[in-house]
C-alpha atoms as a PDB file:
ATOM      1  CA  UNK A   1      -5.876  13.448  -2.383  1.00  0.00           C
ATOM      2  CA  UNK A   2      -2.528  13.012  -4.162  1.00  0.00           C
ATOM      3  CA  UNK A   3      -1.671  13.542  -7.815  1.00  0.00           C
ATOM      4  CA  UNK A   4      -1.325   9.782  -8.102  1.00  0.00           C
ATOM      5  CA  UNK A   5      -5.099   9.402  -7.733  1.00  0.00           C
ATOM      6  CA  UNK A   6      -5.688  11.671 -10.730  1.00  0.00           C
ATOM      7  CA  UNK A   7      -3.023   9.863 -12.734  1.00  0.00           C
ATOM      8  CA  UNK A   8      -4.506   6.442 -11.958  1.00  0.00           C
ATOM      9  CA  UNK A   9      -8.033   7.640 -12.780  1.00  0.00           C
ATOM     10  CA  UNK A  10      -6.933   9.133 -16.120  1.00  0.00           C
ATOM     11  CA  UNK A  11      -4.898   6.043 -17.014  1.00  0.00           C
ATOM     12  CA  UNK A  12      -7.867   3.806 -16.283  1.00  0.00           C
ATOM     13  CA  UNK A  13     -10.287   6.040 -18.220  1.00  0.00           C
ATOM     14  CA  UNK A  14      -7.886   5.986 -21.197  1.00  0.00           C
ATOM     15  CA  UNK A  15      -8.246   2.197 -21.304  1.00  0.00           C
ATOM     16  CA  UNK A  16      -5.204   0.937 -19.379  1.00  0.00           C
ATOM     17  CA  UNK A  17      -6.645  -1.591 -16.933  1.00  0.00           C
ATOM     18  CA  UNK A  18      -3.389  -3.473 -16.367  1.00  0.00           C
ATOM     19  CA  UNK A  19      -2.232  -2.126 -12.993  1.00  0.00           C
ATOM     20  CA  UNK A  20      -3.698  -1.235  -9.624  1.00  0.00           C
ATOM     21  CA  UNK A  21      -2.807   0.292  -6.315  1.00  0.00           C
ATOM     22  CA  UNK A  22      -3.439  -1.680  -3.135  1.00  0.00           C
ATOM     23  CA  UNK A  23      -5.128   0.037  -0.230  1.00  0.00           C
ATOM     24  CA  UNK A  24      -6.468  -1.041   3.113  1.00  0.00           C
ATOM     25  CA  UNK A  25     -10.166  -1.055   3.890  1.00  0.00           C
ATOM     26  CA  UNK A  26     -10.071   2.638   4.810  1.00  0.00           C
ATOM     27  CA  UNK A  27      -9.707   3.551   1.129  1.00  0.00           C
ATOM     28  CA  UNK A  28     -12.582   3.648  -1.352  1.00  0.00           C
ATOM     29  CA  UNK A  29     -12.618   0.733  -3.759  1.00  0.00           C
ATOM     30  CA  UNK A  30     -11.945   2.093  -7.246  1.00  0.00           C
ATOM     31  CA  UNK A  31     -11.221   0.307 -10.540  1.00  0.00           C
ATOM     32  CA  UNK A  32      -7.532   1.233 -10.070  1.00  0.00           C
ATOM     33  CA  UNK A  33      -7.418   0.923  -6.232  1.00  0.00           C
ATOM     34  CA  UNK A  34      -8.066  -2.558  -4.861  1.00  0.00           C
ATOM     35  CA  UNK A  35      -9.143  -3.037  -1.251  1.00  0.00           C
ATOM     36  CA  UNK A  36      -9.830  -6.202   0.782  1.00  0.00           C
ATOM     37  CA  UNK A  37     -13.170  -7.984   0.556  1.00  0.00           C
ATOM     38  CA  UNK A  38     -15.200  -7.915   3.771  1.00  0.00           C
ATOM     39  CA  UNK A  39     -15.776 -11.291   5.431  1.00  0.00           C
ATOM     40  CA  UNK A  40     -15.108 -13.601   2.487  1.00  0.00           C
ATOM     41  CA  UNK A  41     -16.283 -17.223   2.823  1.00  0.00           C
ATOM     42  CA  UNK A  42     -13.538 -19.622   4.011  1.00  0.00           C
ATOM     43  CA  UNK A  43     -11.573 -21.372   1.256  1.00  0.00           C
ATOM     44  CA  UNK A  44     -13.098 -19.147  -1.424  1.00  0.00           C
ATOM     45  CA  UNK A  45     -11.403 -17.263  -4.271  1.00  0.00           C
ATOM     46  CA  UNK A  46     -12.271 -14.068  -2.380  1.00  0.00           C
ATOM     47  CA  UNK A  47     -10.398 -15.318   0.698  1.00  0.00           C
ATOM     48  CA  UNK A  48      -7.373 -16.189  -1.478  1.00  0.00           C
ATOM     49  CA  UNK A  49      -7.545 -12.689  -2.996  1.00  0.00           C
ATOM     50  CA  UNK A  50      -7.575 -11.181   0.516  1.00  0.00           C
ATOM     51  CA  UNK A  51      -4.638 -13.343   1.554  1.00  0.00           C
ATOM     52  CA  UNK A  52      -2.527 -12.231  -1.417  1.00  0.00           C
ATOM     53  CA  UNK A  53      -3.649  -8.626  -1.027  1.00  0.00           C
ATOM     54  CA  UNK A  54      -2.700  -8.650   2.660  1.00  0.00           C
ATOM     55  CA  UNK A  55       0.703 -10.254   2.019  1.00  0.00           C
ATOM     56  CA  UNK A  56       1.551  -7.668  -0.632  1.00  0.00           C
ATOM     57  CA  UNK A  57       0.510  -4.786   1.603  1.00  0.00           C
ATOM     58  CA  UNK A  58       2.351  -6.246   4.601  1.00  0.00           C
ATOM     59  CA  UNK A  59       5.549  -6.369   2.559  1.00  0.00           C
ATOM     60  CA  UNK A  60       5.220  -2.643   1.849  1.00  0.00           C
ATOM     61  CA  UNK A  61       4.256  -1.876   5.471  1.00  0.00           C
ATOM     62  CA  UNK A  62       7.318  -3.762   6.758  1.00  0.00           C
ATOM     63  CA  UNK A  63       9.535  -1.839   4.349  1.00  0.00           C
ATOM     64  CA  UNK A  64       8.091   1.457   5.565  1.00  0.00           C
ATOM     65  CA  UNK A  65       8.654   0.332   9.173  1.00  0.00           C
ATOM     66  CA  UNK A  66      12.297  -0.504   8.439  1.00  0.00           C
ATOM     67  CA  UNK A  67      12.825   2.852   6.776  1.00  0.00           C
ATOM     68  CA  UNK A  68      11.211   4.685   9.708  1.00  0.00           C
ATOM     69  CA  UNK A  69      13.570   2.873  12.079  1.00  0.00           C
ATOM     70  CA  UNK A  70      16.547   4.060  10.045  1.00  0.00           C
ATOM     71  CA  UNK A  71      15.420   7.547   9.103  1.00  0.00           C
ATOM     72  CA  UNK A  72      13.740   9.762  11.692  1.00  0.00           C
ATOM     73  CA  UNK A  73      12.600  12.192   8.972  1.00  0.00           C
ATOM     74  CA  UNK A  74      10.030   9.565   7.896  1.00  0.00           C
ATOM     75  CA  UNK A  75       8.423   9.073  11.287  1.00  0.00           C
ATOM     76  CA  UNK A  76       4.841  10.177  11.826  1.00  0.00           C
ATOM     77  CA  UNK A  77       5.790  13.102  14.066  1.00  0.00           C
ATOM     78  CA  UNK A  78       7.367  14.720  10.977  1.00  0.00           C
ATOM     79  CA  UNK A  79       4.354  14.403   8.662  1.00  0.00           C
ATOM     80  CA  UNK A  80       3.594  18.050   7.981  1.00  0.00           C
ATOM     81  CA  UNK A  81       7.094  19.503   8.183  1.00  0.00           C
ATOM     82  CA  UNK A  82       7.993  19.212   4.489  1.00  0.00           C
ATOM     83  CA  UNK A  83       6.512  20.126   1.134  1.00  0.00           C
ATOM     84  CA  UNK A  84       5.431  17.203  -1.071  1.00  0.00           C
ATOM     85  CA  UNK A  85       8.372  17.875  -3.408  1.00  0.00           C
ATOM     86  CA  UNK A  86      10.922  17.820  -0.601  1.00  0.00           C
ATOM     87  CA  UNK A  87       9.270  14.741   0.946  1.00  0.00           C
ATOM     88  CA  UNK A  88       9.616  12.936  -2.403  1.00  0.00           C
ATOM     89  CA  UNK A  89      13.335  13.748  -2.565  1.00  0.00           C
ATOM     90  CA  UNK A  90      13.763  12.599   1.027  1.00  0.00           C
ATOM     91  CA  UNK A  91      11.993   9.284   0.374  1.00  0.00           C
ATOM     92  CA  UNK A  92      14.162   8.661  -2.706  1.00  0.00           C
ATOM     93  CA  UNK A  93      17.291   9.458  -0.693  1.00  0.00           C
ATOM     94  CA  UNK A  94      16.163   7.083   2.061  1.00  0.00           C
ATOM     95  CA  UNK A  95      15.632   4.323  -0.514  1.00  0.00           C
ATOM     96  CA  UNK A  96      19.150   4.799  -1.885  1.00  0.00           C
ATOM     97  CA  UNK A  97      20.696   4.862   1.596  1.00  0.00           C
ATOM     98  CA  UNK A  98      18.700   1.784   2.617  1.00  0.00           C
ATOM     99  CA  UNK A  99      19.888  -0.124  -0.449  1.00  0.00           C
ATOM    100  CA  UNK A 100      23.473   0.918   0.272  1.00  0.00           C
ATOM    101  CA  UNK A 101      23.112  -0.304   3.863  1.00  0.00           C
ATOM    102  CA  UNK A 102      21.828  -3.657   2.579  1.00  0.00           C
ATOM    103  CA  UNK A 103      24.657  -3.905   0.068  1.00  0.00           C
ATOM    104  CA  UNK A 104      27.310  -3.183   2.722  1.00  0.00           C
ATOM    105  CA  UNK A 105      25.479  -5.323   5.321  1.00  0.00           C
ATOM    106  CA  UNK A 106      25.077  -2.521   7.831  1.00  0.00           C
ATOM    107  CA  UNK A 107      22.975  -3.810  10.744  1.00  0.00           C
ATOM    108  CA  UNK A 108      19.758  -1.843  11.120  1.00  0.00           C
ATOM    109  CA  UNK A 109      18.337  -0.485  14.373  1.00  0.00           C
ATOM    110  CA  UNK A 110      15.501  -2.285  16.121  1.00  0.00           C
ATOM    111  CA  UNK A 111      12.136  -1.634  14.512  1.00  0.00           C
ATOM    112  CA  UNK A 112       9.471  -0.277  16.821  1.00  0.00           C
ATOM    113  CA  UNK A 113       6.555  -2.717  16.934  1.00  0.00           C
ATOM    114  CA  UNK A 114       3.990   0.085  16.650  1.00  0.00           C
ATOM    115  CA  UNK A 115       5.507   1.158  13.322  1.00  0.00           C
ATOM    116  CA  UNK A 116       4.611  -2.205  11.716  1.00  0.00           C
ATOM    117  CA  UNK A 117       0.966  -2.559  12.692  1.00  0.00           C
ATOM    118  CA  UNK A 118      -1.335  -3.128   9.724  1.00  0.00           C
ATOM    119  CA  UNK A 119      -4.923  -2.303  10.607  1.00  0.00           C
ATOM    120  CA  UNK A 120      -7.374  -4.307   8.503  1.00  0.00           C
ATOM    121  CA  UNK A 121     -10.204  -4.246  11.057  1.00  0.00           C
ATOM    122  CA  UNK A 122     -11.389  -0.628  10.801  1.00  0.00           C
ATOM    123  CA  UNK A 123     -13.341  -0.859   7.594  1.00  0.00           C
ATOM    124  CA  UNK A 124     -15.016   2.315   6.427  1.00  0.00           C
ATOM    125  CA  UNK A 125     -18.189   2.235   4.373  1.00  0.00           C
ATOM    126  CA  UNK A 126     -17.049   4.019   1.235  1.00  0.00           C
ATOM    127  CA  UNK A 127     -18.095   4.080  -2.436  1.00  0.00           C
ATOM    128  CA  UNK A 128     -17.513   0.755  -4.149  1.00  0.00           C
ATOM    129  CA  UNK A 129     -16.921   1.799  -7.769  1.00  0.00           C
ATOM    130  CA  UNK A 130     -14.213  -0.829  -8.197  1.00  0.00           C
ATOM    131  CA  UNK A 131     -16.398  -3.860  -7.387  1.00  0.00           C
ATOM    132  CA  UNK A 132     -16.548  -5.094 -11.027  1.00  0.00           C
ATOM    133  CA  UNK A 133     -12.786  -4.743 -11.432  1.00  0.00           C
ATOM    134  CA  UNK A 134     -12.075  -6.543  -8.159  1.00  0.00           C
ATOM    135  CA  UNK A 135     -14.489  -9.354  -9.112  1.00  0.00           C
ATOM    136  CA  UNK A 136     -12.699  -9.749 -12.444  1.00  0.00           C
ATOM    137  CA  UNK A 137      -9.304  -9.927 -10.685  1.00  0.00           C
ATOM    138  CA  UNK A 138     -10.602 -12.565  -8.252  1.00  0.00           C
ATOM    139  CA  UNK A 139     -12.130 -14.604 -11.104  1.00  0.00           C
ATOM    140  CA  UNK A 140      -9.019 -14.402 -13.316  1.00  0.00           C
ATOM    141  CA  UNK A 141      -6.344 -14.993 -10.689  1.00  0.00           C
ATOM    142  CA  UNK A 142      -7.813 -16.688  -7.615  1.00  0.00           C
ATOM    143  CA  UNK A 143     -10.311 -19.325  -8.838  1.00  0.00           C
END
């Protein structure tokens, strides 16, 4: 529902097929939005794709969890309190402050375990327009 979806769609339709977003299985597979493959065979290129996909997403999820531990304004109880523009400024400010804390080696607060959960089990049955793109990615990079 964000402007990013429209941007990614337009970019893809204009012929740029060089970058993708990663989403969990709750998102619809699109040529520009890659999701995991359901129940891939063991030791297959599809399983390797899923493994890499999951590791990349987990890295982002951990980062979000760390930021939520530092900055209460990012926690889920604050979701609808800010306009998208203000939320964008707040996220950028949090990134800068986080990087400063890393640079100056400021210890971070404990991260709540429930903030880091990545749910790959609740797969929705959504349109699969990105199947050809995902197959090409698997064939080019994971075989």
